Amino acid sequence: MPDYKFAKSSMMSCTLFVLVLLLTIASACKKEYTDFPYHNIEQFEVSIDEKSNIDAVINGDSIVLYWPPFITMPDSITPQIKVSERATILPASGKKVAFSDKTTYTVTAQDGNSKVYHLKRLNNQPLFSFELARTMVRGGPFLLSGSYLVADTSKTKVYLVDKAKKEIRINPIALLTTARLNAVVPAASVIDTGSYQIKVITGARTQIKGPFKILR
């Protein structure tokens, strides 16, 4: 007569063994497919024009973008971004954002941890200088000498600033190079004699000097 108690015990042992084996396999699989913990920006690239791109430097939690000299900084950029495998980024790659130090990106790893990056824009335009080459006379020549002026009349502007902080633009500019600017002092119908400061905006930089005298 068969020993049913022994058979039942053997079946229970076998079932327990199978369950333990399945749990062990499941545990091993879970460890093998652990979510990725990486939340890095690996590349941050911005187009200047159809032919030129610049890459940002990732320094800690900063995205440092060195803008080329003598190229006007835009108000917005549309970067192409690569992040760690299985991570996501917001705002997304290819989305237009404000080109501002207030712009931030959040990279979220597959395991849910995230890191915030701050955009830092740095201007590579060198500091410029200028000097008044001769005394100003109403309706007479306005001559500046200097260095590192942006030789583009759409990016270089000159103003006379009176004591009330009113700005009078000197326009048009007759000659403009990186070291010289020639124009005409406004006529008597536009400006009075006295002391004025000279304000020069060239590219992304601004300087104000003076006061200088305007004679009759």
Protein backbone atom coordinates (compact mmCIF):
# COMPACT_ATOMS: atom_id res chain seq x y z
CA MET A 1 0.00 0.00 0.00
CA PRO A 2 1.53 3.38 -1.07
CA ASP A 3 2.71 5.78 1.61
CA TYR A 4 0.48 8.78 0.76
CA LYS A 5 1.88 10.92 3.57
CA PHE A 6 5.39 10.52 2.15
CA ALA A 7 4.20 11.31 -1.38
CA LYS A 8 2.34 14.39 -0.17
CA SER A 9 5.38 15.57 1.76
CA SER A 10 7.59 15.07 -1.29
CA MET A 11 5.21 17.09 -3.47
CA MET A 12 5.14 19.93 -0.96
CA SER A 13 8.93 19.95 -0.82
CA CYS A 14 9.14 20.01 -4.58
CA THR A 15 6.62 22.85 -4.80
CA LEU A 16 8.53 24.83 -2.17
CA PHE A 17 11.77 24.27 -4.08
CA VAL A 18 10.19 25.56 -7.30
CA LEU A 19 8.84 28.65 -5.55
CA VAL A 20 12.24 29.42 -4.02
CA LEU A 21 13.87 28.92 -7.43
CA LEU A 22 11.38 31.28 -9.11
CA LEU A 23 11.89 33.93 -6.43
CA THR A 24 15.66 33.64 -6.83
CA ILE A 25 15.39 34.06 -10.61
CA ALA A 26 13.02 37.00 -10.22
CA SER A 27 15.39 38.66 -7.75
CA ALA A 28 18.34 38.16 -10.10
CA CYS A 29 16.37 39.63 -13.02
CA LYS A 30 15.36 42.63 -10.93
CA LYS A 31 19.01 43.37 -10.09
CA GLU A 32 20.00 43.00 -13.72
CA TYR A 33 17.44 45.57 -14.87
CA THR A 34 17.90 48.20 -12.17
CA ASP A 35 16.80 51.66 -13.37
CA PHE A 36 19.65 53.88 -14.57
CA PRO A 37 20.62 56.59 -12.02
CA TYR A 38 22.39 58.96 -14.48
CA HIS A 39 21.16 62.51 -15.06
CA ASN A 40 23.99 64.25 -16.93
CA ILE A 41 23.98 66.64 -19.88
CA GLU A 42 26.53 65.14 -22.25
CA GLN A 43 26.31 67.68 -25.09
CA PHE A 44 24.68 71.09 -25.49
CA GLU A 45 25.05 72.55 -28.99
CA VAL A 46 23.73 75.83 -30.42
CA SER A 47 23.72 76.97 -34.05
CA ILE A 48 25.09 80.44 -34.80
CA ASP A 49 24.21 80.25 -38.49
CA GLU A 50 23.70 77.60 -41.16
CA LYS A 51 27.38 76.59 -41.06
CA SER A 52 28.57 77.22 -37.50
CA ASN A 53 27.75 75.69 -34.12
CA ILE A 54 29.13 76.21 -30.65
CA ASP A 55 29.26 73.70 -27.81
CA ALA A 56 28.58 74.71 -24.23
CA VAL A 57 30.90 73.72 -21.40
CA ILE A 58 29.15 71.68 -18.70
CA ASN A 59 30.67 72.69 -15.37
CA GLY A 60 28.93 71.18 -12.36
CA ASP A 61 25.34 72.40 -12.57
CA SER A 62 26.17 75.17 -15.07
CA ILE A 63 25.77 75.17 -18.87
CA VAL A 64 28.41 77.75 -19.84
CA LEU A 65 27.97 79.14 -23.36
CA TYR A 66 30.84 81.32 -24.61
CA TRP A 67 29.32 83.49 -27.33
CA PRO A 68 31.73 84.40 -30.17
CA PRO A 69 33.10 87.96 -30.28
CA PHE A 70 31.55 90.53 -32.61
CA ILE A 71 28.41 88.41 -33.10
CA THR A 72 25.32 89.87 -31.47
CA MET A 73 23.80 87.68 -28.76
CA PRO A 74 20.26 86.58 -29.66
CA ASP A 75 17.29 86.81 -27.31
CA SER A 76 16.56 83.08 -27.70
CA ILE A 77 18.34 79.87 -28.72
CA THR A 78 17.24 76.41 -29.90
CA PRO A 79 19.86 73.99 -28.56
CA GLN A 80 20.35 70.37 -29.50
CA ILE A 81 20.99 68.40 -26.30
CA LYS A 82 22.21 64.88 -25.47
CA VAL A 83 21.69 63.47 -21.97
CA SER A 84 22.55 60.25 -20.15
CA GLU A 85 21.08 57.02 -21.46
CA ARG A 86 17.40 56.56 -20.50
CA ALA A 87 17.27 60.07 -18.97
CA THR A 88 14.88 62.86 -20.01
CA ILE A 89 15.32 66.63 -20.09
CA LEU A 90 12.95 69.59 -19.78
CA PRO A 91 12.75 71.86 -21.71
CA ALA A 92 13.30 69.25 -24.42
CA SER A 93 16.11 69.23 -26.95
CA GLY A 94 15.21 71.36 -29.97
CA LYS A 95 12.83 73.61 -28.03
CA LYS A 96 13.37 77.39 -28.23
CA VAL A 97 14.26 78.96 -24.86
CA ALA A 98 15.23 82.43 -23.66
CA PHE A 99 18.97 83.05 -23.94
CA SER A 100 19.16 84.20 -20.33
CA ASP A 101 20.93 83.35 -17.10
CA LYS A 102 17.46 82.70 -15.67
CA THR A 103 16.90 79.71 -17.99
CA THR A 104 17.21 76.29 -16.32
CA TYR A 105 17.08 72.67 -17.48
CA THR A 106 16.03 69.65 -15.43
CA VAL A 107 17.45 66.23 -16.29
CA THR A 108 15.61 63.27 -14.77
CA ALA A 109 17.24 59.84 -14.57
CA GLN A 110 15.33 56.63 -15.19
CA ASP A 111 15.28 55.96 -11.44
CA GLY A 112 13.47 59.27 -10.84
CA ASN A 113 16.34 61.33 -9.41
CA SER A 114 16.89 64.68 -11.12
CA LYS A 115 19.42 67.49 -11.46
CA VAL A 116 18.84 71.15 -12.33
CA TYR A 117 21.28 72.91 -14.68
CA HIS A 118 21.57 76.71 -15.04
CA LEU A 119 22.35 78.41 -18.34
CA LYS A 120 25.30 80.85 -18.16
CA ARG A 121 26.01 83.09 -21.15
CA LEU A 122 29.44 84.67 -21.45
CA ASN A 123 30.39 87.28 -24.01
CA ASN A 124 33.77 86.80 -25.69
CA GLN A 125 33.71 90.32 -27.15
CA PRO A 126 36.86 92.11 -25.92
CA LEU A 127 36.58 95.33 -23.96
CA PHE A 128 36.71 98.30 -26.31
CA SER A 129 38.10 101.78 -25.74
CA PHE A 130 37.52 105.19 -27.30
CA GLU A 131 38.81 108.75 -27.01
CA LEU A 132 37.54 112.03 -28.43
CA ALA A 133 40.03 112.99 -31.13
CA ARG A 134 39.20 116.73 -31.22
CA THR A 135 37.03 119.33 -29.52
CA MET A 136 33.38 119.23 -30.58
CA VAL A 137 31.80 122.19 -32.33
CA ARG A 138 28.10 122.34 -33.24
CA GLY A 139 27.75 121.19 -36.84
CA GLY A 140 31.45 120.29 -36.98
CA PRO A 141 33.32 116.96 -37.18
CA PHE A 142 32.80 114.34 -34.51
CA LEU A 143 35.90 112.15 -34.41
CA LEU A 144 36.58 109.19 -32.11
CA SER A 145 39.65 106.98 -32.04
CA GLY A 146 39.65 103.65 -30.23
CA SER A 147 40.09 99.90 -30.37
CA TYR A 148 37.84 96.83 -30.77
CA LEU A 149 34.86 98.79 -32.07
CA VAL A 150 32.40 96.62 -33.97
CA ALA A 151 32.70 97.90 -37.54
CA ASP A 152 28.97 97.62 -38.26
CA THR A 153 26.72 100.68 -38.05
CA SER A 154 23.76 98.51 -37.06
CA LYS A 155 25.71 97.32 -33.98
CA THR A 156 27.62 100.50 -33.05
CA LYS A 157 25.74 103.60 -31.91
CA VAL A 158 26.90 106.92 -30.39
CA TYR A 159 24.98 109.35 -28.19
CA LEU A 160 25.60 112.69 -26.52
CA VAL A 161 24.13 112.71 -23.00
CA ASP A 162 23.29 116.08 -21.41
CA LYS A 163 23.09 116.97 -17.72
CA ALA A 164 19.43 115.91 -17.60
CA LYS A 165 20.47 112.46 -18.93
CA LYS A 166 18.75 113.12 -22.24
CA GLU A 167 20.40 111.14 -25.04
CA ILE A 168 20.91 112.67 -28.48
CA ARG A 169 22.02 110.16 -31.10
CA ILE A 170 24.81 111.11 -33.49
CA ASN A 171 23.67 109.76 -36.82
CA PRO A 172 24.58 108.92 -39.52
CA ILE A 173 28.06 107.56 -38.94
CA ALA A 174 30.17 108.49 -41.95
CA LEU A 175 33.12 106.19 -41.27
CA LEU A 176 33.44 103.23 -38.92
CA THR A 177 36.36 100.84 -38.43
CA THR A 178 37.54 98.86 -35.43
CA ALA A 179 39.73 101.85 -34.45
CA ARG A 180 37.94 104.92 -35.79
CA LEU A 181 34.52 106.55 -35.90
CA ASN A 182 33.71 109.70 -37.87
CA ALA A 183 30.40 111.58 -37.81
CA VAL A 184 29.05 115.13 -37.43
CA VAL A 185 28.13 116.95 -34.22
CA PRO A 186 24.43 117.96 -34.33
CA ALA A 187 23.70 121.49 -35.49
CA ALA A 188 22.69 124.44 -33.30
CA SER A 189 19.02 123.77 -34.00
CA VAL A 190 19.35 120.36 -32.32
CA ILE A 191 21.87 120.83 -29.54
CA ASP A 192 23.16 123.60 -27.26
CA THR A 193 26.69 124.35 -26.17
CA GLY A 194 27.95 123.06 -22.82
CA SER A 195 29.12 119.81 -21.25
CA TYR A 196 28.05 116.39 -22.51
CA GLN A 197 29.00 112.80 -21.90
CA ILE A 198 29.65 110.49 -24.84
CA LYS A 199 27.93 107.10 -24.77
CA VAL A 200 29.13 104.42 -27.18
CA ILE A 201 27.33 101.11 -27.65
CA THR A 202 29.23 98.59 -29.75
CA GLY A 203 28.11 94.96 -29.98
CA ALA A 204 27.09 93.83 -26.50
CA ARG A 205 29.20 96.40 -24.64
CA THR A 206 28.59 99.98 -23.55
CA GLN A 207 30.89 102.75 -22.31
CA ILE A 208 30.20 106.29 -21.17
CA LYS A 209 32.92 108.93 -20.88
CA GLY A 210 33.07 112.64 -20.18
CA PRO A 211 32.07 115.32 -19.71
CA PHE A 212 33.30 116.93 -22.92
CA LYS A 213 32.67 120.47 -24.09
CA ILE A 214 30.65 121.44 -27.16
CA LEU A 215 31.61 124.91 -28.41
CA ARG A 216 29.85 127.32 -30.73
